[in-house]
Protein backbone atom coordinates (compact mmCIF):
# COMPACT_ATOMS: atom_id res chain seq x y z
CA MET A 1 64.78 91.29 96.81
CA ASN A 2 61.27 90.55 98.08
CA LEU A 3 60.21 89.10 101.41
CA LEU A 4 60.45 85.48 100.25
CA ASP A 5 63.98 85.92 98.92
CA ARG A 6 65.16 87.56 102.14
CA TYR A 7 63.57 84.87 104.25
CA ILE A 8 65.13 81.95 102.37
CA PHE A 9 68.48 83.74 102.05
CA LYS A 10 68.60 84.29 105.83
CA GLN A 11 67.65 80.65 106.43
CA PHE A 12 70.37 79.46 104.06
CA LEU A 13 73.02 81.75 105.50
CA TRP A 14 72.18 80.74 109.07
CA ASN A 15 72.28 77.03 108.18
CA PHE A 16 75.56 77.57 106.31
CA VAL A 17 77.11 79.17 109.40
CA LEU A 18 75.86 76.35 111.64
CA VAL A 19 77.13 73.60 109.30
CA LEU A 20 80.46 75.35 108.79
CA SER A 21 80.92 75.95 112.52
CA GLY A 22 80.23 72.30 113.31
CA LEU A 23 82.53 70.85 110.66
CA LEU A 24 85.23 73.45 111.31
CA SER A 25 85.18 72.74 115.05
CA LEU A 26 85.39 69.01 114.48
CA TYR A 27 88.25 69.43 112.00
CA LEU A 28 90.21 71.75 114.32
CA LEU A 29 89.61 69.55 117.35
CA ILE A 30 91.00 66.45 115.60
CA ASP A 31 93.91 68.39 114.09
CA PHE A 32 94.71 70.04 117.45
CA PHE A 33 95.04 66.75 119.34
CA GLU A 34 97.11 65.28 116.51
CA LYS A 35 99.63 68.15 116.39
CA VAL A 36 99.71 69.82 119.78
CA ASP A 37 102.37 67.38 121.01
CA ASN A 38 104.63 68.54 118.19
CA PHE A 39 104.46 72.09 119.54
CA THR A 40 105.05 71.16 123.16
CA ASP A 41 107.99 68.90 122.21
CA LYS A 42 109.63 71.91 120.52
CA GLY A 43 109.09 74.08 123.59
CA LYS A 44 106.24 76.09 122.08
CA THR A 45 103.32 77.21 124.19
CA VAL A 46 99.71 76.14 123.69
CA GLY A 47 98.95 79.75 122.80
CA TYR A 48 101.46 79.58 119.97
CA ALA A 49 99.81 76.38 118.78
CA LEU A 50 96.44 78.10 118.86
CA GLN A 51 97.87 80.86 116.68
CA PHE A 52 98.86 78.22 114.13
CA PHE A 53 95.38 76.67 114.10
CA ILE A 54 93.73 80.07 113.73
CA LEU A 55 95.89 80.66 110.66
CA LYS A 56 94.69 77.30 109.32
CA ILE A 57 91.01 78.29 109.40
CA PRO A 58 90.87 79.87 105.90
CA ASP A 59 92.50 76.78 104.38
CA ILE A 60 90.06 74.47 106.23
CA TYR A 61 87.15 76.63 105.09
CA PHE A 62 88.37 76.37 101.51
CA GLN A 63 88.34 72.55 101.77
CA LEU A 64 84.92 72.41 103.46
CA SER A 65 83.03 75.10 101.51
CA PRO A 66 81.51 72.82 98.81
CA VAL A 67 80.17 70.37 101.41
CA CYS A 68 78.90 73.22 103.58
CA ILE A 69 77.03 74.74 100.62
CA LEU A 70 75.48 71.36 99.87
CA LEU A 71 74.39 70.66 103.45
CA ALA A 72 73.15 74.22 104.05
CA GLY A 73 70.96 74.02 100.96
CA ILE A 74 69.60 70.58 101.90
CA VAL A 75 68.85 71.64 105.48
CA THR A 76 67.14 74.84 104.27
CA LEU A 77 64.95 72.96 101.77
CA GLY A 78 64.30 70.21 104.30
CA ILE A 79 63.05 72.71 106.87
CA LEU A 80 60.80 74.35 104.27
CA ASN A 81 59.31 70.93 103.50
CA GLN A 82 59.08 69.84 107.14
CA ASN A 83 57.24 73.03 108.16
CA LYS A 84 54.92 72.72 105.15
CA GLU A 85 56.15 76.11 103.93
CA ALA A 86 57.10 74.76 100.53
CA VAL A 87 53.63 73.22 100.13
CA ALA A 88 51.98 76.51 101.14
CA LEU A 89 54.12 78.48 98.69
CA ASN A 90 53.38 75.98 95.93
CA ALA A 91 49.66 76.12 96.66
CA GLY A 92 49.84 79.91 96.43
CA GLY A 93 51.06 79.67 92.85
CA ILE A 94 54.80 79.91 93.50
CA SER A 95 56.64 77.32 91.42
CA PHE A 96 59.27 74.92 92.67
CA VAL A 97 61.96 76.69 90.64
CA ARG A 98 61.00 80.04 92.19
CA ILE A 99 61.26 78.54 95.69
CA ILE A 100 64.76 77.12 95.15
CA THR A 101 66.11 80.16 93.25
CA PRO A 102 67.14 82.07 96.47
CA ILE A 103 68.95 78.94 97.67
CA ILE A 104 70.93 78.66 94.43
CA LEU A 105 71.69 82.41 94.36
CA SER A 106 72.86 82.22 97.99
CA ALA A 107 75.22 79.39 97.07
CA ILE A 108 76.61 81.47 94.20
CA VAL A 109 77.19 84.46 96.51
CA ILE A 110 79.09 82.30 99.01
CA THR A 111 81.11 80.74 96.18
CA LEU A 112 82.15 84.20 94.96
CA GLY A 113 83.17 85.05 98.51
CA THR A 114 85.31 81.92 98.59
CA ILE A 115 87.04 83.07 95.41
CA ALA A 116 87.81 86.44 97.02
CA MET A 117 89.18 84.68 100.08
CA ALA A 118 91.38 82.40 97.93
CA GLN A 119 92.73 85.47 96.15
CA TRP A 120 93.51 87.81 99.05
CA LEU A 121 93.30 86.10 102.45
CA LEU A 122 94.27 82.44 102.02
CA PRO A 123 97.77 83.07 100.51
CA ILE A 124 98.76 85.17 103.53
CA THR A 125 97.50 82.83 106.25
CA ALA A 126 98.61 79.64 104.48
CA THR A 127 102.13 80.97 103.95
CA ARG A 128 102.43 81.92 107.63
CA ALA A 129 100.95 78.62 108.84
CA ASN A 130 103.26 76.57 106.59
CA LYS A 131 106.25 78.59 107.76
CA ILE A 132 105.41 77.81 111.39
CA TRP A 133 104.86 74.10 110.76
CA GLU A 134 107.74 73.44 108.34
CA GLY A 135 110.29 75.89 109.71
CA GLU A 136 109.70 76.06 113.46
CA ILE A 137 108.15 72.70 114.25
CA ARG A 138 109.56 70.28 111.68
CA HIS A 139 112.73 72.39 111.17
CA ARG A 140 112.62 72.16 107.38
CA THR A 141 114.22 75.50 106.69
CA THR A 142 114.06 76.81 103.18
CA GLU A 143 117.55 77.44 101.86
CA GLY A 144 116.47 77.87 98.25
CA ILE A 145 113.81 80.20 96.86
CA ILE A 146 112.14 80.42 93.46
CA ARG A 147 111.85 83.74 91.65
CA ASN A 148 110.81 84.17 88.00
CA GLN A 149 111.46 80.50 87.21
CA ASN A 150 115.00 80.66 88.69
CA ILE A 151 116.25 79.04 91.88
CA PHE A 152 118.51 80.99 94.23
CA TYR A 153 120.49 79.13 96.88
CA HIS A 154 122.76 80.74 99.48
CA GLY A 155 125.62 78.37 100.25
CA LYS A 156 128.37 78.76 102.83
CA ASN A 157 130.67 80.76 100.58
CA GLY A 158 128.48 82.04 97.73
CA VAL A 159 125.16 82.19 95.93
CA TYR A 160 124.01 79.71 93.29
CA THR A 161 121.47 80.60 90.62
CA PHE A 162 120.09 78.37 87.88
CA LYS A 163 116.93 77.85 85.86
CA ASN A 164 114.21 75.85 87.57
CA ASN A 165 113.38 72.63 85.71
CA ASN A 166 112.30 69.09 86.40
CA ASP A 167 115.73 67.61 85.58
CA HIS A 168 117.74 67.87 88.81
CA SER A 169 120.90 66.48 87.18
CA VAL A 170 121.37 69.34 84.70
CA PHE A 171 121.42 72.98 85.82
CA LYS A 172 120.92 75.46 82.98
CA ASN A 173 121.91 79.15 83.07
CA PHE A 174 124.19 78.35 86.01
CA LEU A 175 125.67 81.25 87.98
CA TYR A 176 127.88 81.22 91.05
CA THR A 177 129.18 84.28 92.91
CA SER A 178 131.18 84.61 96.11
CA TRP A 179 132.42 87.57 98.17
CA ASP A 180 134.98 88.26 100.83
CA GLU A 181 134.25 89.63 104.32
CA GLU A 182 134.23 93.18 102.97
CA ARG A 183 131.55 92.28 100.41
CA HIS A 184 133.97 92.42 97.50
CA LEU A 185 133.33 90.01 94.66
CA THR A 186 136.01 87.29 94.61
CA LEU A 187 134.66 84.72 92.14
CA PHE A 188 132.08 84.82 89.37
CA LEU A 189 131.14 81.72 87.35
CA SER A 190 128.65 81.69 84.49
CA ALA A 191 127.84 78.71 82.30
CA GLU A 192 125.17 77.57 79.87
CA GLN A 193 124.74 74.48 81.99
CA ALA A 194 126.36 72.57 84.83
CA THR A 195 126.37 68.98 86.04
CA TYR A 196 127.62 67.35 89.21
CA ASP A 197 129.22 64.03 90.08
CA LYS A 198 131.54 62.67 92.79
CA LYS A 199 134.47 64.55 91.25
CA GLY A 200 132.76 67.93 91.57
CA TRP A 201 131.01 70.45 89.33
CA HIS A 202 131.41 70.43 85.56
CA LEU A 203 130.56 73.66 83.74
CA ILE A 204 130.04 73.96 79.98
CA ASN A 205 130.41 77.06 77.77
CA GLY A 206 130.94 79.90 80.20
CA ILE A 207 133.12 82.51 81.76
CA LYS A 208 135.17 82.63 84.95
CA LYS A 209 136.16 85.84 86.70
CA THR A 210 138.62 85.65 89.58
CA ARG A 211 139.68 88.63 91.61
CA SER A 212 143.43 89.09 91.72
CA ALA A 213 145.53 91.59 93.67
CA GLY A 214 143.85 94.94 94.03
CA SER A 215 140.56 95.32 92.17
CA ASP A 216 141.56 93.62 88.90
CA PHE A 217 139.87 90.47 87.64
CA ALA A 218 141.35 87.60 85.70
CA ILE A 219 138.80 86.58 83.04
CA VAL A 220 138.84 83.15 81.42
CA MET A 221 136.47 81.87 78.76
CA PHE A 222 135.99 78.11 78.81
CA ASP A 223 134.24 75.30 76.96
CA HIS A 224 134.50 72.95 79.89
CA LEU A 225 135.56 73.65 83.48
CA SER A 226 135.66 71.44 86.54
CA VAL A 227 135.48 73.24 89.88
CA ASP A 228 135.04 72.28 93.51
CA LEU A 229 132.27 74.33 95.15
CA ASP A 230 130.88 74.17 98.66
CA ALA A 231 127.38 72.86 97.79
CA THR A 232 125.96 69.83 95.99
CA PRO A 233 122.57 69.40 94.22
CA ALA A 234 121.26 67.68 97.37
CA ASP A 235 121.63 71.01 99.19
CA PHE A 236 119.34 72.85 96.82
CA TYR A 237 116.19 72.47 98.84
CA THR A 238 113.18 74.33 97.52
CA PRO A 239 109.77 73.96 99.18
CA ALA A 240 107.11 71.91 97.48
CA PHE A 241 104.70 74.00 95.45
CA ARG A 242 101.69 74.76 97.61
CA PRO A 243 98.91 76.30 95.52
CA GLU A 244 97.11 77.70 98.57
CA GLU A 245 100.08 80.06 99.12
CA HIS A 246 99.58 81.67 95.70
CA PRO A 247 96.73 84.01 94.68
CA LEU A 248 94.53 82.81 91.86
CA SER A 249 95.70 85.74 89.75
CA GLU A 250 99.31 84.55 90.07
CA LEU A 251 98.35 81.05 88.92
CA TRP A 252 96.61 82.64 85.95
CA GLN A 253 99.67 84.69 85.03
CA ARG A 254 102.03 81.73 85.42
CA SER A 255 99.74 79.55 83.28
CA ARG A 256 100.07 82.01 80.39
CA ASP A 257 103.85 82.37 80.26
CA ASN A 258 106.12 80.23 78.10
CA SER A 259 107.83 78.36 80.92
CA THR A 260 107.86 74.60 81.34
CA GLN A 261 105.63 75.01 84.42
CA ALA A 262 102.82 76.73 82.52
CA PRO A 263 100.83 73.51 81.83
CA ALA A 264 101.01 72.52 85.49
CA MET A 265 99.91 76.01 86.54
CA LEU A 266 96.98 75.85 84.09
CA ARG A 267 95.94 72.48 85.50
CA GLU A 268 96.21 73.80 89.06
CA LEU A 269 94.20 76.91 88.17
CA HIS A 270 91.35 74.84 86.71
CA ALA A 271 91.49 72.47 89.66
CA ARG A 272 91.21 75.23 92.25
CA PHE A 273 88.39 77.06 90.48
CA SER A 274 86.45 73.86 89.81
CA PHE A 275 86.80 72.81 93.46
CA ILE A 276 85.48 76.19 94.63
CA PHE A 277 82.47 75.84 92.33
CA LEU A 278 81.88 72.17 93.20
CA GLY A 279 79.29 73.09 95.85
CA ILE A 280 76.86 74.48 93.25
CA PRO A 281 76.42 71.34 91.10
CA LEU A 282 76.33 69.25 94.29
CA LEU A 283 73.50 71.42 95.59
CA LEU A 284 71.63 71.40 92.28
CA PHE A 285 71.87 67.63 92.11
CA ALA A 286 70.75 67.14 95.70
CA ILE A 287 67.75 69.50 95.62
CA PRO A 288 65.46 67.26 93.47
CA ILE A 289 66.62 64.22 95.44
CA THR A 290 65.58 65.87 98.71
CA THR A 291 62.21 66.84 97.23
CA HIS A 292 61.71 63.32 95.88
CA ILE A 293 62.48 61.82 99.31
CA HIS A 294 59.97 64.18 100.91
CA ASN A 295 57.22 63.41 98.38
CA LYS A 296 57.74 59.67 98.52
CA TRP A 297 58.47 58.98 102.20
CA GLY A 298 57.63 62.25 103.93
CA ARG A 299 61.10 62.29 105.45
CA ASP A 300 63.63 65.04 104.79
CA LEU A 301 66.66 65.62 106.95
CA THR A 302 66.95 62.13 108.44
CA VAL A 303 67.44 60.68 104.96
CA ALA A 304 68.55 63.61 102.82
CA VAL A 305 71.52 64.69 104.96
CA PRO A 306 73.31 61.32 105.09
CA PHE A 307 72.46 60.71 101.45
CA SER A 308 73.89 64.13 100.55
CA CYS A 309 77.10 63.36 102.46
CA GLY A 310 77.45 60.13 100.52
CA LEU A 311 76.77 62.00 97.30
CA ALA A 312 79.46 64.57 98.15
CA PHE A 313 82.08 61.89 98.84
CA MET A 314 81.17 60.09 95.60
CA VAL A 315 81.41 63.22 93.46
CA TRP A 316 84.63 64.29 95.22
CA GLY A 317 86.09 60.85 94.49
CA ILE A 318 85.17 61.09 90.81
CA TRP A 319 86.55 64.64 90.64
CA SER A 320 89.82 63.54 92.32
CA THR A 321 90.16 60.61 89.92
CA LEU A 322 89.73 62.93 86.95
CA GLN A 323 92.35 65.26 88.43
CA SER A 324 94.80 62.36 88.63
CA MET A 325 94.08 61.49 85.00
CA SER A 326 94.69 65.14 84.09
CA LYS A 327 98.09 65.11 85.87
CA LEU A 328 99.02 62.02 83.83
CA ALA A 329 98.02 63.91 80.65
CA LEU A 330 95.34 61.32 79.87
CA ILE A 331 92.72 64.06 79.65
CA SER A 332 92.87 67.84 79.40
CA PRO A 333 92.73 70.05 82.52
CA GLN A 334 89.38 71.41 81.37
CA VAL A 335 87.82 67.95 81.09
CA GLY A 336 89.35 66.78 84.35
CA SER A 337 88.12 69.81 86.26
CA TRP A 338 84.73 70.66 84.79
CA SER A 339 83.18 67.47 83.40
CA VAL A 340 81.66 66.54 86.77
CA HIS A 341 80.10 70.00 87.04
CA LEU A 342 78.54 69.84 83.59
CA ILE A 343 77.15 66.34 83.96
CA ALA A 344 75.76 66.91 87.46
CA THR A 345 74.26 70.27 86.49
CA GLY A 346 72.68 68.85 83.33
CA ILE A 347 71.04 65.96 85.19
CA ALA A 348 69.91 68.32 87.98
CA PHE A 349 68.28 70.81 85.62
CA PHE A 350 66.44 68.00 83.81
CA TRP A 351 65.14 66.58 87.11
CA ILE A 352 64.23 70.02 88.51
CA LYS A 353 62.32 70.82 85.34
CA ARG A 354 60.33 67.63 85.67
CA GLN A 355 59.51 68.28 89.30
CA ASN A 356 58.57 71.89 88.49
CA SER A 357 56.13 70.75 85.79
CA HIS A 358 54.53 68.21 88.14
CA GLY A 359 54.63 70.55 91.15
CA ALA A 360 56.89 70.19 94.17
């Protein structure tokens, strides 16, 4: 890395920190005043609330990182133009592409750092923050948990287990077990599937084990069995899937299994990776625009920054629309996640090449 690369990289990194600090502070300030009353109403201290907001910082950074990369790159290039440094470098035989290369490489380095954060740090902090907000502030306790595509629910008298699926009226691979106070099994129910109505539970094709006197069990095979249990389907609360609580590697593994959730996991995996990388095509697209504004009007930051913000919102809106179309299976997850990147990058490279051939 030569002197020019180090200089531009330091400028970009410093501008990235400034932009991130400003947006992060504004985000936290608004969120704090919106939610602090919820903590005080539940008898929590302001210090406890601050702990919650500190845990939210990685998630906020994840949401802001593409815009911060865009603005940091625009500010860096704008300062180079405003101080006539870009003109001096160009006059010294350094091409426009060579000048912006450290900016692009810096954006790639920060993007890779965001991937590492989403893999190792964000799942930990997001899980803890969501537990505080949902469990201790909104009192939405999680009675059910999901493990290996099965739901486990601890009722008043026993534990329910069944396969996780989108049909909440039919429970496949249904198991129910209950114990006495001495932790001795008293009832075991296993069925291929179970349904529920006002009359109770209806089990199909299974086995029932009931503990009799001593340690013996009465075993009954059944084709259909109606039983009255202590829980109903409405009690089987499982938390909404929050992708930020799961490492990227876990999404990858779950997208490759044969479960019914694999397509949704694949879509979520593409969505998260494409969002992380969204800052790079945004920056590539905005660089020639900033240079064009400087060459035509001699104005950089006063025009380029608001224009870049508008560009970011427009691209984010298109990306979000394509994500919605992907969820509706109108387009593939790959098209919904990466088409914006390819189009914006293609147009940017064409425009940068033209500016490079004519000189910055």
